[in-house]
C-alpha atoms as a PDB file:
ATOM      1  CA  UNK A   1      52.640 110.010 136.194  1.00  0.00           C
ATOM      2  CA  UNK A   2      53.603 108.492 132.799  1.00  0.00           C
ATOM      3  CA  UNK A   3      55.488 111.635 131.904  1.00  0.00           C
ATOM      4  CA  UNK A   4      57.451 111.417 135.173  1.00  0.00           C
ATOM      5  CA  UNK A   5      58.238 107.798 134.468  1.00  0.00           C
ATOM      6  CA  UNK A   6      59.483 108.686 130.991  1.00  0.00           C
ATOM      7  CA  UNK A   7      61.701 111.387 132.412  1.00  0.00           C
ATOM      8  CA  UNK A   8      63.191 108.920 134.964  1.00  0.00           C
ATOM      9  CA  UNK A   9      63.901 106.418 132.180  1.00  0.00           C
ATOM     10  CA  UNK A  10      65.617 109.080 130.125  1.00  0.00           C
ATOM     11  CA  UNK A  11      67.690 110.049 133.140  1.00  0.00           C
ATOM     12  CA  UNK A  12      68.713 106.410 133.785  1.00  0.00           C
ATOM     13  CA  UNK A  13      69.568 105.797 130.123  1.00  0.00           C
ATOM     14  CA  UNK A  14      71.487 109.116 130.035  1.00  0.00           C
ATOM     15  CA  UNK A  15      73.594 108.309 133.039  1.00  0.00           C
ATOM     16  CA  UNK A  16      74.454 104.823 131.631  1.00  0.00           C
ATOM     17  CA  UNK A  17      75.344 106.330 128.244  1.00  0.00           C
ATOM     18  CA  UNK A  18      78.917 106.698 127.073  1.00  0.00           C
ATOM     19  CA  UNK A  19      78.054 110.083 125.370  1.00  0.00           C
ATOM     20  CA  UNK A  20      79.153 112.944 127.642  1.00  0.00           C
ATOM     21  CA  UNK A  21      76.239 115.258 126.528  1.00  0.00           C
ATOM     22  CA  UNK A  22      73.668 112.727 127.464  1.00  0.00           C
ATOM     23  CA  UNK A  23      75.297 112.092 130.735  1.00  0.00           C
ATOM     24  CA  UNK A  24      75.483 115.827 131.301  1.00  0.00           C
ATOM     25  CA  UNK A  25      71.833 116.296 130.502  1.00  0.00           C
ATOM     26  CA  UNK A  26      70.823 113.425 132.778  1.00  0.00           C
ATOM     27  CA  UNK A  27      72.910 114.665 135.758  1.00  0.00           C
ATOM     28  CA  UNK A  28      71.501 118.186 135.249  1.00  0.00           C
ATOM     29  CA  UNK A  29      67.985 116.801 135.394  1.00  0.00           C
ATOM     30  CA  UNK A  30      68.778 114.836 138.596  1.00  0.00           C
ATOM     31  CA  UNK A  31      70.349 117.837 140.238  1.00  0.00           C
ATOM     32  CA  UNK A  32      67.465 120.180 139.370  1.00  0.00           C
ATOM     33  CA  UNK A  33      64.984 117.501 140.502  1.00  0.00           C
ATOM     34  CA  UNK A  34      66.791 117.354 143.875  1.00  0.00           C
ATOM     35  CA  UNK A  35      66.809 121.225 144.104  1.00  0.00           C
ATOM     36  CA  UNK A  36      63.021 121.337 143.359  1.00  0.00           C
ATOM     37  CA  UNK A  37      62.372 118.514 145.864  1.00  0.00           C
ATOM     38  CA  UNK A  38      64.302 120.380 148.541  1.00  0.00           C
ATOM     39  CA  UNK A  39      62.473 123.583 147.713  1.00  0.00           C
ATOM     40  CA  UNK A  40      59.163 121.883 148.246  1.00  0.00           C
ATOM     41  CA  UNK A  41      60.006 120.446 151.640  1.00  0.00           C
ATOM     42  CA  UNK A  42      58.433 122.151 154.624  1.00  0.00           C
ATOM     43  CA  UNK A  43      60.538 124.230 156.958  1.00  0.00           C
ATOM     44  CA  UNK A  44      59.925 125.158 160.611  1.00  0.00           C
ATOM     45  CA  UNK A  45      59.625 128.973 160.997  1.00  0.00           C
ATOM     46  CA  UNK A  46      60.652 131.134 163.985  1.00  0.00           C
ATOM     47  CA  UNK A  47      56.983 131.813 164.671  1.00  0.00           C
ATOM     48  CA  UNK A  48      56.381 128.140 165.305  1.00  0.00           C
ATOM     49  CA  UNK A  49      54.647 127.361 162.034  1.00  0.00           C
ATOM     50  CA  UNK A  50      55.627 125.504 158.878  1.00  0.00           C
ATOM     51  CA  UNK A  51      56.340 127.024 155.460  1.00  0.00           C
ATOM     52  CA  UNK A  52      57.723 125.656 152.193  1.00  0.00           C
ATOM     53  CA  UNK A  53      61.343 126.278 151.724  1.00  0.00           C
ATOM     54  CA  UNK A  54      60.552 127.935 148.426  1.00  0.00           C
ATOM     55  CA  UNK A  55      58.324 130.434 150.142  1.00  0.00           C
ATOM     56  CA  UNK A  56      61.049 131.061 152.715  1.00  0.00           C
ATOM     57  CA  UNK A  57      63.513 131.652 149.905  1.00  0.00           C
ATOM     58  CA  UNK A  58      61.207 134.207 148.293  1.00  0.00           C
ATOM     59  CA  UNK A  59      60.799 136.269 151.417  1.00  0.00           C
ATOM     60  CA  UNK A  60      64.463 136.075 152.465  1.00  0.00           C
ATOM     61  CA  UNK A  61      66.865 138.988 151.830  1.00  0.00           C
ATOM     62  CA  UNK A  62      68.312 139.520 148.307  1.00  0.00           C
ATOM     63  CA  UNK A  63      71.806 138.419 149.248  1.00  0.00           C
ATOM     64  CA  UNK A  64      70.459 135.059 150.455  1.00  0.00           C
ATOM     65  CA  UNK A  65      68.544 134.567 147.218  1.00  0.00           C
ATOM     66  CA  UNK A  66      71.728 135.398 145.262  1.00  0.00           C
ATOM     67  CA  UNK A  67      73.830 133.009 147.328  1.00  0.00           C
ATOM     68  CA  UNK A  68      71.245 130.217 146.717  1.00  0.00           C
ATOM     69  CA  UNK A  69      71.207 130.733 142.962  1.00  0.00           C
ATOM     70  CA  UNK A  70      74.962 131.112 142.958  1.00  0.00           C
ATOM     71  CA  UNK A  71      75.323 127.792 144.737  1.00  0.00           C
ATOM     72  CA  UNK A  72      73.073 126.045 142.237  1.00  0.00           C
ATOM     73  CA  UNK A  73      74.817 127.649 139.290  1.00  0.00           C
ATOM     74  CA  UNK A  74      78.209 126.719 140.737  1.00  0.00           C
ATOM     75  CA  UNK A  75      77.288 123.089 140.989  1.00  0.00           C
ATOM     76  CA  UNK A  76      75.909 123.134 137.389  1.00  0.00           C
ATOM     77  CA  UNK A  77      79.069 124.906 136.119  1.00  0.00           C
ATOM     78  CA  UNK A  78      81.327 122.290 137.819  1.00  0.00           C
ATOM     79  CA  UNK A  79      79.306 119.483 136.406  1.00  0.00           C
ATOM     80  CA  UNK A  80      79.476 120.845 132.887  1.00  0.00           C
ATOM     81  CA  UNK A  81      83.245 121.510 133.186  1.00  0.00           C
ATOM     82  CA  UNK A  82      83.634 117.804 133.948  1.00  0.00           C
ATOM     83  CA  UNK A  83      81.429 116.960 131.066  1.00  0.00           C
ATOM     84  CA  UNK A  84      83.415 119.252 128.725  1.00  0.00           C
ATOM     85  CA  UNK A  85      86.771 117.649 129.761  1.00  0.00           C
ATOM     86  CA  UNK A  86      85.269 114.189 129.193  1.00  0.00           C
ATOM     87  CA  UNK A  87      84.044 115.311 125.708  1.00  0.00           C
ATOM     88  CA  UNK A  88      87.413 116.788 124.844  1.00  0.00           C
ATOM     89  CA  UNK A  89      89.278 113.693 125.918  1.00  0.00           C
ATOM     90  CA  UNK A  90      86.966 111.572 123.635  1.00  0.00           C
ATOM     91  CA  UNK A  91      87.712 113.922 120.763  1.00  0.00           C
ATOM     92  CA  UNK A  92      91.362 113.816 121.375  1.00  0.00           C
ATOM     93  CA  UNK A  93      91.284 109.963 121.435  1.00  0.00           C
ATOM     94  CA  UNK A  94      89.443 110.092 118.083  1.00  0.00           C
ATOM     95  CA  UNK A  95      92.020 112.461 116.646  1.00  0.00           C
ATOM     96  CA  UNK A  96      94.879 110.142 117.847  1.00  0.00           C
ATOM     97  CA  UNK A  97      93.115 107.253 116.079  1.00  0.00           C
ATOM     98  CA  UNK A  98      92.850 109.276 112.874  1.00  0.00           C
ATOM     99  CA  UNK A  99      96.540 110.161 113.092  1.00  0.00           C
ATOM    100  CA  UNK A 100      97.420 106.521 113.584  1.00  0.00           C
ATOM    101  CA  UNK A 101      95.359 105.573 110.552  1.00  0.00           C
ATOM    102  CA  UNK A 102      96.923 108.386 108.540  1.00  0.00           C
ATOM    103  CA  UNK A 103     100.377 107.168 109.473  1.00  0.00           C
ATOM    104  CA  UNK A 104      99.528 103.622 108.338  1.00  0.00           C
ATOM    105  CA  UNK A 105      98.036 104.891 105.053  1.00  0.00           C
ATOM    106  CA  UNK A 106     101.156 107.063 104.385  1.00  0.00           C
ATOM    107  CA  UNK A 107     103.368 104.093 105.071  1.00  0.00           C
ATOM    108  CA  UNK A 108     101.331 102.122 102.511  1.00  0.00           C
ATOM    109  CA  UNK A 109     101.577 104.940 100.015  1.00  0.00           C
ATOM    110  CA  UNK A 110     105.298 105.117 100.594  1.00  0.00           C
ATOM    111  CA  UNK A 111     105.616 101.404  99.844  1.00  0.00           C
ATOM    112  CA  UNK A 112     103.525 101.821  96.696  1.00  0.00           C
ATOM    113  CA  UNK A 113     105.631 104.724  95.557  1.00  0.00           C
ATOM    114  CA  UNK A 114     108.791 102.778  96.071  1.00  0.00           C
ATOM    115  CA  UNK A 115     107.355  99.812  94.157  1.00  0.00           C
ATOM    116  CA  UNK A 116     106.347 102.100  91.304  1.00  0.00           C
ATOM    117  CA  UNK A 117     109.843 103.715  91.298  1.00  0.00           C
ATOM    118  CA  UNK A 118     111.408 100.245  91.090  1.00  0.00           C
ATOM    119  CA  UNK A 119     109.065  99.244  88.280  1.00  0.00           C
ATOM    120  CA  UNK A 120     109.828 102.434  86.354  1.00  0.00           C
ATOM    121  CA  UNK A 121     113.615 101.830  86.851  1.00  0.00           C
ATOM    122  CA  UNK A 122     113.245  98.248  85.543  1.00  0.00           C
ATOM    123  CA  UNK A 123     111.209  99.520  82.578  1.00  0.00           C
ATOM    124  CA  UNK A 124     113.870 102.068  81.826  1.00  0.00           C
ATOM    125  CA  UNK A 125     116.578  99.495  82.005  1.00  0.00           C
ATOM    126  CA  UNK A 126     114.557  97.190  79.690  1.00  0.00           C
ATOM    127  CA  UNK A 127     114.001 100.061  77.228  1.00  0.00           C
ATOM    128  CA  UNK A 128     117.743 100.871  77.265  1.00  0.00           C
ATOM    129  CA  UNK A 129     118.528  97.188  76.719  1.00  0.00           C
ATOM    130  CA  UNK A 130     116.091  97.027  73.821  1.00  0.00           C
ATOM    131  CA  UNK A 131     117.565 100.173  72.278  1.00  0.00           C
ATOM    132  CA  UNK A 132     121.094  98.746  72.538  1.00  0.00           C
ATOM    133  CA  UNK A 133     119.871  95.569  70.971  1.00  0.00           C
ATOM    134  CA  UNK A 134     118.369  97.409  68.061  1.00  0.00           C
ATOM    135  CA  UNK A 135     121.550  99.411  67.616  1.00  0.00           C
ATOM    136  CA  UNK A 136     123.615  96.234  67.650  1.00  0.00           C
ATOM    137  CA  UNK A 137     121.235  94.525  65.198  1.00  0.00           C
ATOM    138  CA  UNK A 138     121.449  97.520  62.851  1.00  0.00           C
ATOM    139  CA  UNK A 139     125.284  97.494  63.115  1.00  0.00           C
ATOM    140  CA  UNK A 140     125.331  93.715  62.518  1.00  0.00           C
ATOM    141  CA  UNK A 141     123.061  94.049  59.525  1.00  0.00           C
ATOM    142  CA  UNK A 142     125.256  96.771  58.118  1.00  0.00           C
ATOM    143  CA  UNK A 143     128.368  94.685  58.743  1.00  0.00           C
ATOM    144  CA  UNK A 144     126.731  91.688  57.102  1.00  0.00           C
ATOM    145  CA  UNK A 145     125.843  93.713  54.040  1.00  0.00           C
ATOM    146  CA  UNK A 146     129.321  95.240  53.801  1.00  0.00           C
ATOM    147  CA  UNK A 147     130.879  91.803  54.125  1.00  0.00           C
ATOM    148  CA  UNK A 148     128.640  90.376  51.535  1.00  0.00           C
ATOM    149  CA  UNK A 149     129.587  93.236  49.145  1.00  0.00           C
ATOM    150  CA  UNK A 150     133.251  92.755  50.073  1.00  0.00           C
ATOM    151  CA  UNK A 151     133.105  89.097  49.296  1.00  0.00           C
ATOM    152  CA  UNK A 152     131.292  89.856  45.954  1.00  0.00           C
ATOM    153  CA  UNK A 153     133.978  92.379  45.025  1.00  0.00           C
ATOM    154  CA  UNK A 154     136.754  89.917  46.081  1.00  0.00           C
ATOM    155  CA  UNK A 155     135.451  87.424  43.637  1.00  0.00           C
ATOM    156  CA  UNK A 156     135.183  90.134  40.898  1.00  0.00           C
ATOM    157  CA  UNK A 157     138.479  91.579  41.830  1.00  0.00           C
ATOM    158  CA  UNK A 158     137.355  95.299  41.828  1.00  0.00           C
ATOM    159  CA  UNK A 159     139.053  96.653  44.945  1.00  0.00           C
ATOM    160  CA  UNK A 160     139.786 100.085  43.603  1.00  0.00           C
ATOM    161  CA  UNK A 161     136.266 101.294  44.273  1.00  0.00           C
ATOM    162  CA  UNK A 162     136.445 100.566  48.058  1.00  0.00           C
ATOM    163  CA  UNK A 163     137.259 103.560  50.348  1.00  0.00           C
ATOM    164  CA  UNK A 164     137.702 103.850  54.094  1.00  0.00           C
ATOM    165  CA  UNK A 165     135.463 106.409  55.834  1.00  0.00           C
ATOM    166  CA  UNK A 166     135.424 107.884  59.339  1.00  0.00           C
ATOM    167  CA  UNK A 167     132.195 109.481  60.617  1.00  0.00           C
ATOM    168  CA  UNK A 168     131.561 111.001  63.956  1.00  0.00           C
ATOM    169  CA  UNK A 169     127.961 110.851  65.277  1.00  0.00           C
ATOM    170  CA  UNK A 170     126.854 111.520  68.792  1.00  0.00           C
ATOM    171  CA  UNK A 171     130.467 111.842  69.925  1.00  0.00           C
ATOM    172  CA  UNK A 172     131.133 108.221  68.889  1.00  0.00           C
ATOM    173  CA  UNK A 173     133.647 107.522  66.193  1.00  0.00           C
ATOM    174  CA  UNK A 174     132.457 105.097  63.650  1.00  0.00           C
ATOM    175  CA  UNK A 175     134.722 103.644  60.982  1.00  0.00           C
ATOM    176  CA  UNK A 176     133.515 101.694  58.029  1.00  0.00           C
ATOM    177  CA  UNK A 177     134.424 100.641  54.544  1.00  0.00           C
ATOM    178  CA  UNK A 178     132.068 101.518  51.782  1.00  0.00           C
ATOM    179  CA  UNK A 179     131.925 101.251  48.104  1.00  0.00           C
ATOM    180  CA  UNK A 180     132.160 104.477  46.184  1.00  0.00           C
ATOM    181  CA  UNK A 181     131.772 104.829  42.538  1.00  0.00           C
ATOM    182  CA  UNK A 182     135.049 106.102  41.358  1.00  0.00           C
ATOM    183  CA  UNK A 183     135.494 107.349  37.850  1.00  0.00           C
ATOM    184  CA  UNK A 184     138.259 105.439  36.011  1.00  0.00           C
ATOM    185  CA  UNK A 185     141.518 107.421  35.748  1.00  0.00           C
END
């Protein structure tokens, strides 16, 4: 009796479950229980007596036995087709949710990539600015040095040693004055 009570509780919890396989198992148990119950019911025979329906099934012609089993199998097949469709709909819903989460994640990755590209662009601009500043500082230092030498030579009056030079580097023309040692003529 306890075993029967446990089976009934498992059937009730299975039917109330949201898991298709548990519901399918429970409904299969209910259907087979009904079939067994109907098979154990008495049936009035033509001879005026009573027999169990199961005994009547066993002594009936082969086509009637086949029709009975086909009917039972058809009901179970239909039940499990419904359970399969339910299971697939749950899996499709889970896939849709995964796709939605993937789209959200890819949107966040796109934003992060754009932020990183902006940061790299700003870093490149800063590096270029620093390089220009260094170049300008080097040119300023050279100009200051040349002007200082020029001022010194102006006071000494030795202009004959100054020459104008034109140098091309990196496709930029640079002009400058420099002091060359010139041998006296």
